[in-house]
Amino acid sequence: MTIWRPSPLTRLVWRRRLRAVVATVLLAALALAAWFARPNPVMSVPLVQVIDGDSLTVRHDGADLTIRLIGIDAVEYRQSCTRAGTQWTCGREARQALERLVGRGSLHCALSAKDRYGRTLAACRTGVFPDGVDLGAEMVRQGWAVASGTDYLAEEAGAETARRGIWQGSFTTPADWRAVHDRPATVADLPDA
């Protein structure tokens, strides 16, 4: 019985075809990786209102868009903290701090995904992008929010050490506070909103 073996020319042709297929697959994988790794588009948007320490409404394409700053978790608007044995409205102060940071100019936001409440997650800056103030970093640096993730851990440590914002006394983490308090149905349901 004779075993069929391809000729050296046939083997060469098949090797070249295999290399072409592998190269095509690698190029397709690189293109796909580049597609998913592309930076989020940055939009310049005017502020409509600050909702709380990590959420705001902007005007985009003729409609209001609610944005949640990514990478931070600010104390809730209705949340109180304790300082020197006295309760104080740290949530309202967090909102006022974000209002001061935002000012009246346009924001430059890199949009991401939506959260479970339908808000658009975004990293936003004031001033000229990318040189403006990173709102998330600054809210954590001033002590009005905690880092949610690893992006702003250094800012959080600095605020805690310097006892800025909510670090002046004791507070419940915003996530724990939300777990035992009802969430307002809309922004209009917030007091003084």
N, C-alpha and C. Protein backbone atom coordinates (compact mmCIF):
# COMPACT_ATOMS: atom_id res chain seq x y z
N MET A 1 0.83 -1.16 0.00
CA MET A 1 0.00 0.00 0.00
C MET A 1 0.89 1.25 0.00
N THR A 2 0.55 2.19 -0.81
CA THR A 2 1.32 3.41 -0.95
C THR A 2 0.62 4.55 -0.21
N ILE A 3 1.40 5.29 0.55
CA ILE A 3 0.86 6.45 1.26
C ILE A 3 1.09 7.67 0.38
N TRP A 4 -0.02 8.39 0.19
CA TRP A 4 0.09 9.60 -0.63
C TRP A 4 0.74 10.71 0.18
N ARG A 5 1.71 11.32 -0.42
CA ARG A 5 2.38 12.46 0.19
C ARG A 5 2.35 13.60 -0.82
N PRO A 6 2.03 14.78 -0.34
CA PRO A 6 2.00 15.89 -1.28
C PRO A 6 3.41 16.22 -1.76
N SER A 7 3.43 16.72 -2.92
CA SER A 7 4.73 17.10 -3.48
C SER A 7 5.25 18.34 -2.75
N PRO A 8 6.54 18.60 -2.83
CA PRO A 8 7.08 19.81 -2.19
C PRO A 8 6.40 21.08 -2.70
N LEU A 9 6.02 21.13 -3.95
CA LEU A 9 5.34 22.31 -4.49
C LEU A 9 3.96 22.47 -3.87
N THR A 10 3.23 21.38 -3.69
CA THR A 10 1.90 21.41 -3.07
C THR A 10 2.01 21.86 -1.61
N ARG A 11 3.01 21.34 -0.91
CA ARG A 11 3.21 21.75 0.48
C ARG A 11 3.52 23.24 0.57
N LEU A 12 4.32 23.74 -0.34
CA LEU A 12 4.65 25.16 -0.35
C LEU A 12 3.40 26.01 -0.59
N VAL A 13 2.56 25.61 -1.51
CA VAL A 13 1.32 26.34 -1.79
C VAL A 13 0.43 26.34 -0.55
N TRP A 14 0.28 25.19 0.10
CA TRP A 14 -0.57 25.10 1.29
C TRP A 14 -0.01 25.93 2.44
N ARG A 15 1.30 25.94 2.62
CA ARG A 15 1.91 26.77 3.66
C ARG A 15 1.65 28.24 3.41
N ARG A 16 1.77 28.67 2.17
CA ARG A 16 1.50 30.07 1.83
C ARG A 16 0.04 30.43 2.09
N ARG A 17 -0.86 29.54 1.74
CA ARG A 17 -2.28 29.78 1.99
C ARG A 17 -2.57 29.87 3.48
N LEU A 18 -1.95 28.96 4.24
CA LEU A 18 -2.13 28.98 5.69
C LEU A 18 -1.60 30.28 6.28
N ARG A 19 -0.44 30.73 5.84
CA ARG A 19 0.12 31.99 6.31
C ARG A 19 -0.81 33.15 5.97
N ALA A 20 -1.37 33.14 4.78
CA ALA A 20 -2.29 34.21 4.37
C ALA A 20 -3.54 34.22 5.26
N VAL A 21 -4.06 33.03 5.58
CA VAL A 21 -5.24 32.95 6.45
C VAL A 21 -4.89 33.45 7.85
N VAL A 22 -3.75 33.02 8.38
CA VAL A 22 -3.32 33.46 9.72
C VAL A 22 -3.12 34.97 9.73
N ALA A 23 -2.49 35.51 8.72
CA ALA A 23 -2.26 36.96 8.65
C ALA A 23 -3.60 37.70 8.58
N THR A 24 -4.56 37.19 7.83
CA THR A 24 -5.88 37.82 7.73
C THR A 24 -6.59 37.80 9.08
N VAL A 25 -6.53 36.66 9.76
CA VAL A 25 -7.17 36.54 11.07
C VAL A 25 -6.51 37.51 12.06
N LEU A 26 -5.17 37.60 12.05
CA LEU A 26 -4.48 38.51 12.95
C LEU A 26 -4.83 39.98 12.66
N LEU A 27 -4.90 40.34 11.39
CA LEU A 27 -5.27 41.71 11.03
C LEU A 27 -6.70 42.02 11.47
N ALA A 28 -7.59 41.05 11.29
CA ALA A 28 -8.98 41.25 11.73
C ALA A 28 -9.05 41.41 13.24
N ALA A 29 -8.27 40.61 13.97
CA ALA A 29 -8.25 40.71 15.43
C ALA A 29 -7.70 42.07 15.87
N LEU A 30 -6.65 42.55 15.21
CA LEU A 30 -6.09 43.87 15.53
C LEU A 30 -7.09 44.98 15.24
N ALA A 31 -7.79 44.88 14.12
CA ALA A 31 -8.79 45.89 13.78
C ALA A 31 -9.92 45.89 14.81
N LEU A 32 -10.34 44.70 15.23
CA LEU A 32 -11.39 44.59 16.23
C LEU A 32 -10.92 45.17 17.57
N ALA A 33 -9.71 44.87 17.95
CA ALA A 33 -9.16 45.40 19.20
C ALA A 33 -9.06 46.92 19.13
N ALA A 34 -8.65 47.46 18.00
CA ALA A 34 -8.56 48.91 17.84
C ALA A 34 -9.95 49.55 17.91
N TRP A 35 -10.95 48.86 17.38
CA TRP A 35 -12.32 49.37 17.41
C TRP A 35 -12.81 49.48 18.86
N PHE A 36 -12.58 48.45 19.67
CA PHE A 36 -13.05 48.46 21.05
C PHE A 36 -12.17 49.33 21.95
N ALA A 37 -10.94 49.55 21.59
CA ALA A 37 -10.02 50.33 22.42
C ALA A 37 -10.04 51.81 22.07
N ARG A 38 -10.83 52.19 21.08
CA ARG A 38 -10.84 53.59 20.68
C ARG A 38 -11.36 54.45 21.82
N PRO A 39 -10.85 55.65 21.97
CA PRO A 39 -11.29 56.50 23.06
C PRO A 39 -12.74 56.92 22.87
N ASN A 40 -13.40 57.14 24.00
CA ASN A 40 -14.78 57.60 23.93
C ASN A 40 -14.81 58.99 23.33
N PRO A 41 -15.84 59.30 22.54
CA PRO A 41 -15.92 60.63 21.95
C PRO A 41 -16.10 61.68 23.04
N VAL A 42 -15.46 62.82 22.85
CA VAL A 42 -15.58 63.92 23.80
C VAL A 42 -16.55 64.94 23.22
N MET A 43 -17.55 65.31 24.02
CA MET A 43 -18.54 66.29 23.60
C MET A 43 -18.40 67.54 24.46
N SER A 44 -18.62 68.69 23.85
CA SER A 44 -18.75 69.93 24.61
C SER A 44 -20.24 70.16 24.80
N VAL A 45 -20.65 70.24 26.06
CA VAL A 45 -22.08 70.35 26.36
C VAL A 45 -22.30 71.44 27.42
N PRO A 46 -23.38 72.21 27.27
CA PRO A 46 -23.70 73.20 28.31
C PRO A 46 -24.41 72.52 29.48
N LEU A 47 -24.13 73.02 30.66
CA LEU A 47 -24.75 72.50 31.88
C LEU A 47 -26.19 72.99 31.97
N VAL A 48 -27.10 72.11 32.35
CA VAL A 48 -28.48 72.49 32.65
C VAL A 48 -28.62 72.65 34.15
N GLN A 49 -28.21 71.60 34.92
CA GLN A 49 -28.26 71.69 36.37
C GLN A 49 -27.40 70.61 37.00
N VAL A 50 -26.95 70.89 38.21
CA VAL A 50 -26.25 69.90 39.02
C VAL A 50 -27.31 69.23 39.88
N ILE A 51 -27.35 67.90 39.86
CA ILE A 51 -28.36 67.15 40.62
C ILE A 51 -27.85 66.87 42.02
N ASP A 52 -26.66 66.31 42.12
CA ASP A 52 -26.03 66.03 43.41
C ASP A 52 -24.53 66.03 43.20
N GLY A 53 -23.78 65.44 44.09
CA GLY A 53 -22.32 65.51 44.03
C GLY A 53 -21.67 64.73 42.91
N ASP A 54 -22.41 63.86 42.23
CA ASP A 54 -21.81 63.11 41.12
C ASP A 54 -22.72 62.98 39.92
N SER A 55 -23.81 63.73 39.89
CA SER A 55 -24.75 63.66 38.76
C SER A 55 -25.13 65.06 38.32
N LEU A 56 -25.27 65.22 37.02
CA LEU A 56 -25.67 66.50 36.47
C LEU A 56 -26.44 66.30 35.18
N THR A 57 -27.15 67.34 34.79
CA THR A 57 -27.90 67.31 33.54
C THR A 57 -27.26 68.30 32.59
N VAL A 58 -27.05 67.87 31.35
CA VAL A 58 -26.48 68.72 30.31
C VAL A 58 -27.43 68.73 29.12
N ARG A 59 -27.21 69.67 28.21
CA ARG A 59 -28.01 69.75 26.98
C ARG A 59 -27.19 69.11 25.87
N HIS A 60 -27.78 68.10 25.22
CA HIS A 60 -27.09 67.40 24.13
C HIS A 60 -28.08 67.10 23.03
N ASP A 61 -27.77 67.53 21.82
CA ASP A 61 -28.64 67.32 20.66
C ASP A 61 -30.07 67.78 20.91
N GLY A 62 -30.22 68.93 21.58
CA GLY A 62 -31.53 69.51 21.80
C GLY A 62 -32.34 68.88 22.92
N ALA A 63 -31.76 67.94 23.65
CA ALA A 63 -32.48 67.28 24.75
C ALA A 63 -31.60 67.26 26.00
N ASP A 64 -32.24 67.10 27.13
CA ASP A 64 -31.50 66.98 28.39
C ASP A 64 -30.95 65.57 28.52
N LEU A 65 -29.70 65.49 28.96
CA LEU A 65 -29.01 64.21 29.16
C LEU A 65 -28.47 64.20 30.59
N THR A 66 -28.86 63.18 31.36
CA THR A 66 -28.36 63.05 32.72
C THR A 66 -27.06 62.27 32.71
N ILE A 67 -26.04 62.85 33.32
CA ILE A 67 -24.71 62.25 33.36
C ILE A 67 -24.35 61.91 34.81
N ARG A 68 -23.76 60.76 34.98
CA ARG A 68 -23.22 60.32 36.28
C ARG A 68 -21.72 60.27 36.11
N LEU A 69 -20.98 61.01 36.93
CA LEU A 69 -19.53 61.03 36.82
C LEU A 69 -18.97 59.66 37.14
N ILE A 70 -18.16 59.16 36.25
CA ILE A 70 -17.61 57.81 36.38
C ILE A 70 -16.42 57.82 37.33
N GLY A 71 -16.29 56.75 38.10
CA GLY A 71 -15.12 56.58 38.96
C GLY A 71 -15.27 57.16 40.36
N ILE A 72 -16.43 57.79 40.65
CA ILE A 72 -16.63 58.36 41.98
C ILE A 72 -18.01 57.99 42.50
N ASP A 73 -18.18 58.10 43.80
CA ASP A 73 -19.48 57.92 44.44
C ASP A 73 -19.59 59.01 45.50
N ALA A 74 -20.36 60.05 45.19
CA ALA A 74 -20.51 61.18 46.11
C ALA A 74 -21.62 60.88 47.11
N VAL A 75 -21.54 61.55 48.27
CA VAL A 75 -22.62 61.43 49.23
C VAL A 75 -23.91 61.89 48.57
N GLU A 76 -25.00 61.24 48.92
CA GLU A 76 -26.29 61.56 48.31
C GLU A 76 -26.82 62.90 48.79
N TYR A 77 -27.62 63.55 47.97
CA TYR A 77 -28.12 64.89 48.28
C TYR A 77 -28.84 64.93 49.62
N ARG A 78 -29.61 63.91 49.94
CA ARG A 78 -30.37 63.87 51.20
C ARG A 78 -29.57 63.31 52.36
N GLN A 79 -28.32 62.96 52.14
CA GLN A 79 -27.50 62.30 53.16
C GLN A 79 -26.92 63.32 54.15
N SER A 80 -26.86 62.91 55.41
CA SER A 80 -26.23 63.71 56.46
C SER A 80 -24.98 62.98 56.95
N CYS A 81 -24.05 63.75 57.48
CA CYS A 81 -22.83 63.21 58.06
C CYS A 81 -22.72 63.75 59.48
N THR A 82 -21.77 63.28 60.24
CA THR A 82 -21.56 63.74 61.61
C THR A 82 -20.18 64.39 61.70
N ARG A 83 -20.17 65.59 62.31
CA ARG A 83 -18.92 66.33 62.48
C ARG A 83 -18.95 66.91 63.89
N ALA A 84 -17.96 66.58 64.68
CA ALA A 84 -17.87 67.06 66.06
C ALA A 84 -19.15 66.74 66.83
N GLY A 85 -19.72 65.56 66.58
CA GLY A 85 -20.91 65.11 67.29
C GLY A 85 -22.21 65.73 66.80
N THR A 86 -22.16 66.52 65.75
CA THR A 86 -23.34 67.20 65.23
C THR A 86 -23.61 66.74 63.79
N GLN A 87 -24.88 66.54 63.49
CA GLN A 87 -25.27 66.18 62.11
C GLN A 87 -25.16 67.42 61.22
N TRP A 88 -24.72 67.23 59.99
CA TRP A 88 -24.68 68.31 59.01
C TRP A 88 -25.04 67.77 57.64
N THR A 89 -25.52 68.62 56.77
CA THR A 89 -26.04 68.21 55.48
C THR A 89 -24.90 68.10 54.47
N CYS A 90 -24.12 67.06 54.59
CA CYS A 90 -22.96 66.87 53.71
C CYS A 90 -23.38 66.66 52.27
N GLY A 91 -24.54 66.05 52.02
CA GLY A 91 -25.01 65.84 50.65
C GLY A 91 -25.29 67.14 49.93
N ARG A 92 -25.89 68.08 50.63
CA ARG A 92 -26.15 69.40 50.02
C ARG A 92 -24.83 70.12 49.74
N GLU A 93 -23.89 69.99 50.68
CA GLU A 93 -22.59 70.64 50.47
C GLU A 93 -21.82 70.01 49.31
N ALA A 94 -21.98 68.70 49.11
CA ALA A 94 -21.34 68.04 47.97
C ALA A 94 -21.91 68.58 46.67
N ARG A 95 -23.21 68.77 46.63
CA ARG A 95 -23.85 69.34 45.43
C ARG A 95 -23.33 70.75 45.18
N GLN A 96 -23.24 71.57 46.23
CA GLN A 96 -22.75 72.93 46.08
C GLN A 96 -21.29 72.95 45.61
N ALA A 97 -20.51 71.99 46.08
CA ALA A 97 -19.11 71.90 45.65
C ALA A 97 -19.02 71.62 44.16
N LEU A 98 -19.86 70.69 43.67
CA LEU A 98 -19.85 70.40 42.23
C LEU A 98 -20.34 71.60 41.43
N GLU A 99 -21.34 72.32 41.95
CA GLU A 99 -21.82 73.53 41.27
C GLU A 99 -20.69 74.56 41.14
N ARG A 100 -19.90 74.73 42.20
CA ARG A 100 -18.77 75.68 42.14
C ARG A 100 -17.73 75.23 41.12
N LEU A 101 -17.45 73.93 41.09
CA LEU A 101 -16.45 73.42 40.14
C LEU A 101 -16.89 73.60 38.70
N VAL A 102 -18.14 73.31 38.44
CA VAL A 102 -18.66 73.37 37.08
C VAL A 102 -18.72 74.80 36.58
N GLY A 103 -19.14 75.72 37.42
CA GLY A 103 -19.27 77.11 36.99
C GLY A 103 -20.35 77.27 35.95
N ARG A 104 -20.16 78.18 35.02
CA ARG A 104 -21.18 78.46 34.01
C ARG A 104 -20.75 78.09 32.59
N GLY A 105 -19.53 77.65 32.43
CA GLY A 105 -19.05 77.32 31.08
C GLY A 105 -19.50 75.94 30.63
N SER A 106 -19.08 75.60 29.44
CA SER A 106 -19.39 74.28 28.90
C SER A 106 -18.53 73.22 29.57
N LEU A 107 -19.04 72.01 29.56
CA LEU A 107 -18.29 70.85 30.04
C LEU A 107 -17.82 70.05 28.85
N HIS A 108 -16.75 69.34 29.02
CA HIS A 108 -16.23 68.45 27.99
C HIS A 108 -16.27 67.05 28.57
N CYS A 109 -17.16 66.22 28.04
CA CYS A 109 -17.41 64.91 28.63
C CYS A 109 -17.11 63.79 27.64
N ALA A 110 -16.38 62.78 28.11
CA ALA A 110 -16.14 61.56 27.34
C ALA A 110 -17.19 60.55 27.81
N LEU A 111 -18.15 60.29 26.93
CA LEU A 111 -19.27 59.43 27.29
C LEU A 111 -18.88 57.97 27.28
N SER A 112 -19.51 57.22 28.17
CA SER A 112 -19.26 55.79 28.29
C SER A 112 -20.61 55.08 28.17
N ALA A 113 -20.83 54.09 29.00
CA ALA A 113 -22.06 53.30 28.96
C ALA A 113 -23.16 53.97 29.77
N LYS A 114 -24.28 53.31 29.88
CA LYS A 114 -25.38 53.77 30.73
C LYS A 114 -25.40 52.93 32.00
N ASP A 115 -25.83 53.54 33.11
CA ASP A 115 -25.97 52.77 34.34
C ASP A 115 -27.38 52.20 34.44
N ARG A 116 -27.68 51.51 35.52
CA ARG A 116 -28.98 50.83 35.63
C ARG A 116 -30.14 51.80 35.77
N TYR A 117 -29.87 53.08 36.04
CA TYR A 117 -30.92 54.09 36.13
C TYR A 117 -31.08 54.86 34.82
N GLY A 118 -30.35 54.48 33.80
CA GLY A 118 -30.45 55.14 32.50
C GLY A 118 -29.59 56.38 32.35
N ARG A 119 -28.76 56.67 33.36
CA ARG A 119 -27.86 57.82 33.26
C ARG A 119 -26.65 57.44 32.43
N THR A 120 -26.14 58.39 31.69
CA THR A 120 -24.93 58.17 30.90
C THR A 120 -23.72 58.35 31.80
N LEU A 121 -22.86 57.35 31.84
CA LEU A 121 -21.61 57.45 32.61
C LEU A 121 -20.61 58.23 31.78
N ALA A 122 -19.92 59.17 32.41
CA ALA A 122 -18.98 60.01 31.66
C ALA A 122 -17.91 60.56 32.58
N ALA A 123 -16.76 60.82 31.98
CA ALA A 123 -15.69 61.57 32.64
C ALA A 123 -15.79 62.98 32.08
N CYS A 124 -15.98 63.96 32.93
CA CYS A 124 -16.19 65.34 32.48
C CYS A 124 -15.11 66.26 33.01
N ARG A 125 -14.79 67.26 32.21
CA ARG A 125 -13.80 68.28 32.57
C ARG A 125 -14.39 69.65 32.29
N THR A 126 -13.88 70.63 33.02
CA THR A 126 -14.21 72.02 32.72
C THR A 126 -13.10 72.55 31.82
N GLY A 127 -13.31 73.71 31.24
CA GLY A 127 -12.25 74.33 30.45
C GLY A 127 -11.97 73.57 29.17
N VAL A 128 -10.79 73.77 28.64
CA VAL A 128 -10.39 73.19 27.36
C VAL A 128 -9.93 71.74 27.58
N PHE A 129 -10.51 70.82 26.83
CA PHE A 129 -10.17 69.40 26.96
C PHE A 129 -8.81 69.17 26.33
N PRO A 130 -7.90 68.42 26.86
CA PRO A 130 -7.97 67.65 28.09
C PRO A 130 -7.36 68.38 29.28
N ASP A 131 -7.12 69.68 29.15
CA ASP A 131 -6.40 70.41 30.20
C ASP A 131 -7.28 70.92 31.33
N GLY A 132 -8.59 70.86 31.19
CA GLY A 132 -9.47 71.38 32.22
C GLY A 132 -9.45 70.53 33.48
N VAL A 133 -10.23 70.94 34.46
CA VAL A 133 -10.32 70.25 35.74
C VAL A 133 -11.16 68.98 35.57
N ASP A 134 -10.62 67.85 35.98
CA ASP A 134 -11.35 66.58 35.99
C ASP A 134 -12.31 66.63 37.17
N LEU A 135 -13.62 66.71 36.88
CA LEU A 135 -14.61 66.88 37.94
C LEU A 135 -14.59 65.72 38.95
N GLY A 136 -14.45 64.50 38.47
CA GLY A 136 -14.42 63.35 39.37
C GLY A 136 -13.23 63.41 40.31
N ALA A 137 -12.06 63.67 39.77
CA ALA A 137 -10.85 63.75 40.59
C ALA A 137 -10.96 64.87 41.61
N GLU A 138 -11.47 66.00 41.19
CA GLU A 138 -11.56 67.15 42.09
C GLU A 138 -12.59 66.94 43.20
N MET A 139 -13.72 66.29 42.89
CA MET A 139 -14.72 66.00 43.93
C MET A 139 -14.14 65.05 44.98
N VAL A 140 -13.36 64.07 44.55
CA VAL A 140 -12.72 63.16 45.50
C VAL A 140 -11.62 63.90 46.26
N ARG A 141 -10.83 64.71 45.57
CA ARG A 141 -9.74 65.46 46.20
C ARG A 141 -10.28 66.42 47.28
N GLN A 142 -11.43 67.03 47.02
CA GLN A 142 -12.02 67.95 47.99
C GLN A 142 -12.75 67.21 49.12
N GLY A 143 -12.90 65.90 48.97
CA GLY A 143 -13.49 65.11 50.03
C GLY A 143 -15.00 64.98 49.98
N TRP A 144 -15.63 65.25 48.83
CA TRP A 144 -17.09 65.15 48.72
C TRP A 144 -17.53 63.84 48.10
N ALA A 145 -16.59 63.02 47.69
CA ALA A 145 -16.91 61.73 47.08
C ALA A 145 -15.80 60.74 47.43
N VAL A 146 -16.14 59.47 47.33
CA VAL A 146 -15.14 58.42 47.49
C VAL A 146 -14.87 57.82 46.12
N ALA A 147 -13.72 57.22 45.96
CA ALA A 147 -13.37 56.59 44.70
C ALA A 147 -14.18 55.30 44.56
N SER A 148 -14.72 55.09 43.38
CA SER A 148 -15.38 53.80 43.11
C SER A 148 -14.57 53.17 41.98
N GLY A 149 -13.65 52.35 42.35
CA GLY A 149 -12.69 51.80 41.40
C GLY A 149 -11.30 52.25 41.83
N THR A 150 -10.37 52.21 40.91
CA THR A 150 -8.98 52.52 41.26
C THR A 150 -8.49 53.86 40.74
N ASP A 151 -9.32 54.57 39.97
CA ASP A 151 -8.84 55.80 39.33
C ASP A 151 -8.46 56.90 40.30
N TYR A 152 -9.19 57.09 41.37
CA TYR A 152 -8.98 58.25 42.23
C TYR A 152 -8.59 57.88 43.66
N LEU A 153 -7.91 56.76 43.83
CA LEU A 153 -7.52 56.33 45.17
C LEU A 153 -6.52 57.29 45.82
N ALA A 154 -5.61 57.84 45.06
CA ALA A 154 -4.63 58.79 45.62
C ALA A 154 -5.34 60.06 46.09
N GLU A 155 -6.31 60.55 45.32
CA GLU A 155 -7.06 61.74 45.72
C GLU A 155 -7.87 61.46 47.00
N GLU A 156 -8.45 60.25 47.07
CA GLU A 156 -9.22 59.88 48.27
C GLU A 156 -8.32 59.83 49.50
N ALA A 157 -7.15 59.23 49.37
CA ALA A 157 -6.22 59.14 50.50
C ALA A 157 -5.79 60.53 50.95
N GLY A 158 -5.57 61.43 50.01
CA GLY A 158 -5.19 62.80 50.35
C GLY A 158 -6.29 63.54 51.08
N ALA A 159 -7.54 63.36 50.64
CA ALA A 159 -8.68 64.01 51.29
C ALA A 159 -8.88 63.47 52.70
N GLU A 160 -8.73 62.15 52.85
CA GLU A 160 -8.91 61.54 54.17
C GLU A 160 -7.81 62.03 55.13
N THR A 161 -6.57 62.06 54.67
CA THR A 161 -5.46 62.51 55.50
C THR A 161 -5.63 63.97 55.92
N ALA A 162 -6.08 64.80 54.98
CA ALA A 162 -6.25 66.23 55.27
C ALA A 162 -7.59 66.53 55.93
N ARG A 163 -8.46 65.52 56.07
CA ARG A 163 -9.78 65.65 56.69
C ARG A 163 -10.63 66.71 55.99
N ARG A 164 -10.67 66.60 54.65
CA ARG A 164 -11.48 67.52 53.85
C ARG A 164 -12.86 66.92 53.59
N GLY A 165 -13.85 67.78 53.43
CA GLY A 165 -15.19 67.34 53.07
C GLY A 165 -15.79 66.38 54.08
N ILE A 166 -16.27 65.25 53.58
CA ILE A 166 -16.92 64.26 54.45
C ILE A 166 -15.95 63.60 55.41
N TRP A 167 -14.66 63.73 55.16
CA TRP A 167 -13.65 63.13 56.04
C TRP A 167 -13.43 63.95 57.31
N GLN A 168 -14.16 65.07 57.47
CA GLN A 168 -14.05 65.89 58.68
C GLN A 168 -14.60 65.17 59.90
N GLY A 169 -15.47 64.21 59.66
CA GLY A 169 -16.10 63.48 60.76
C GLY A 169 -16.40 62.07 60.31
N SER A 170 -17.58 61.59 60.67
CA SER A 170 -17.96 60.23 60.27
C SER A 170 -19.11 60.30 59.26
N PHE A 171 -19.15 59.31 58.41
CA PHE A 171 -20.20 59.25 57.40
C PHE A 171 -20.42 57.79 57.00
N THR A 172 -21.57 57.55 56.45
CA THR A 172 -21.89 56.25 55.87
C THR A 172 -21.51 56.33 54.41
N THR A 173 -20.87 55.29 53.89
CA THR A 173 -20.53 55.34 52.46
C THR A 173 -21.81 55.53 51.66
N PRO A 174 -21.72 56.25 50.56
CA PRO A 174 -22.93 56.49 49.77
C PRO A 174 -23.66 55.19 49.37
N ALA A 175 -22.93 54.16 49.02
CA ALA A 175 -23.57 52.89 48.62
C ALA A 175 -24.34 52.29 49.80
N ASP A 176 -23.76 52.32 50.99
CA ASP A 176 -24.46 51.79 52.16
C ASP A 176 -25.66 52.66 52.52
N TRP A 177 -25.53 53.97 52.37
CA TRP A 177 -26.64 54.87 52.66
C TRP A 177 -27.80 54.60 51.70
N ARG A 178 -27.50 54.43 50.41
CA ARG A 178 -28.55 54.15 49.42
C ARG A 178 -29.25 52.83 49.70
N ALA A 179 -28.51 51.87 50.24
CA ALA A 179 -29.08 50.55 50.49
C ALA A 179 -30.22 50.60 51.51
N VAL A 180 -30.22 51.58 52.39
CA VAL A 180 -31.28 51.64 53.41
C VAL A 180 -32.23 52.83 53.22
N HIS A 181 -32.05 53.61 52.16
CA HIS A 181 -32.93 54.75 51.90
C HIS A 181 -33.53 54.62 50.51
N ASP A 182 -34.78 55.06 50.39
CA ASP A 182 -35.44 55.05 49.08
C ASP A 182 -34.80 56.08 48.18
N ARG A 183 -34.74 55.75 46.90
CA ARG A 183 -34.20 56.66 45.90
C ARG A 183 -35.35 57.48 45.34
N PRO A 184 -35.21 58.83 45.24
CA PRO A 184 -36.28 59.64 44.64
C PRO A 184 -36.54 59.17 43.21
N ALA A 185 -37.80 59.23 42.81
CA ALA A 185 -38.19 58.80 41.47
C ALA A 185 -37.62 59.70 40.40
N THR A 186 -37.57 61.00 40.65
CA THR A 186 -37.05 61.95 39.67
C THR A 186 -36.27 63.03 40.38
N VAL A 187 -35.60 63.86 39.61
CA VAL A 187 -34.85 64.99 40.16
C VAL A 187 -35.82 65.95 40.85
N ALA A 188 -37.02 66.09 40.30
CA ALA A 188 -38.00 67.00 40.89
C ALA A 188 -38.40 66.56 42.29
N ASP A 189 -38.22 65.29 42.64
CA ASP A 189 -38.58 64.78 43.96
C ASP A 189 -37.55 65.16 45.02
N LEU A 190 -36.39 65.65 44.60
CA LEU A 190 -35.36 66.06 45.57
C LEU A 190 -35.78 67.40 46.18
N PRO A 191 -35.59 67.59 47.49
CA PRO A 191 -35.87 68.88 48.09
C PRO A 191 -34.94 69.95 47.52
N ASP A 192 -35.45 71.12 47.27
CA ASP A 192 -34.67 72.26 46.77
C ASP A 192 -33.93 71.94 45.47
N ALA A 193 -34.48 71.07 44.65
CA ALA A 193 -33.81 70.74 43.39
C ALA A 193 -34.18 71.71 42.32
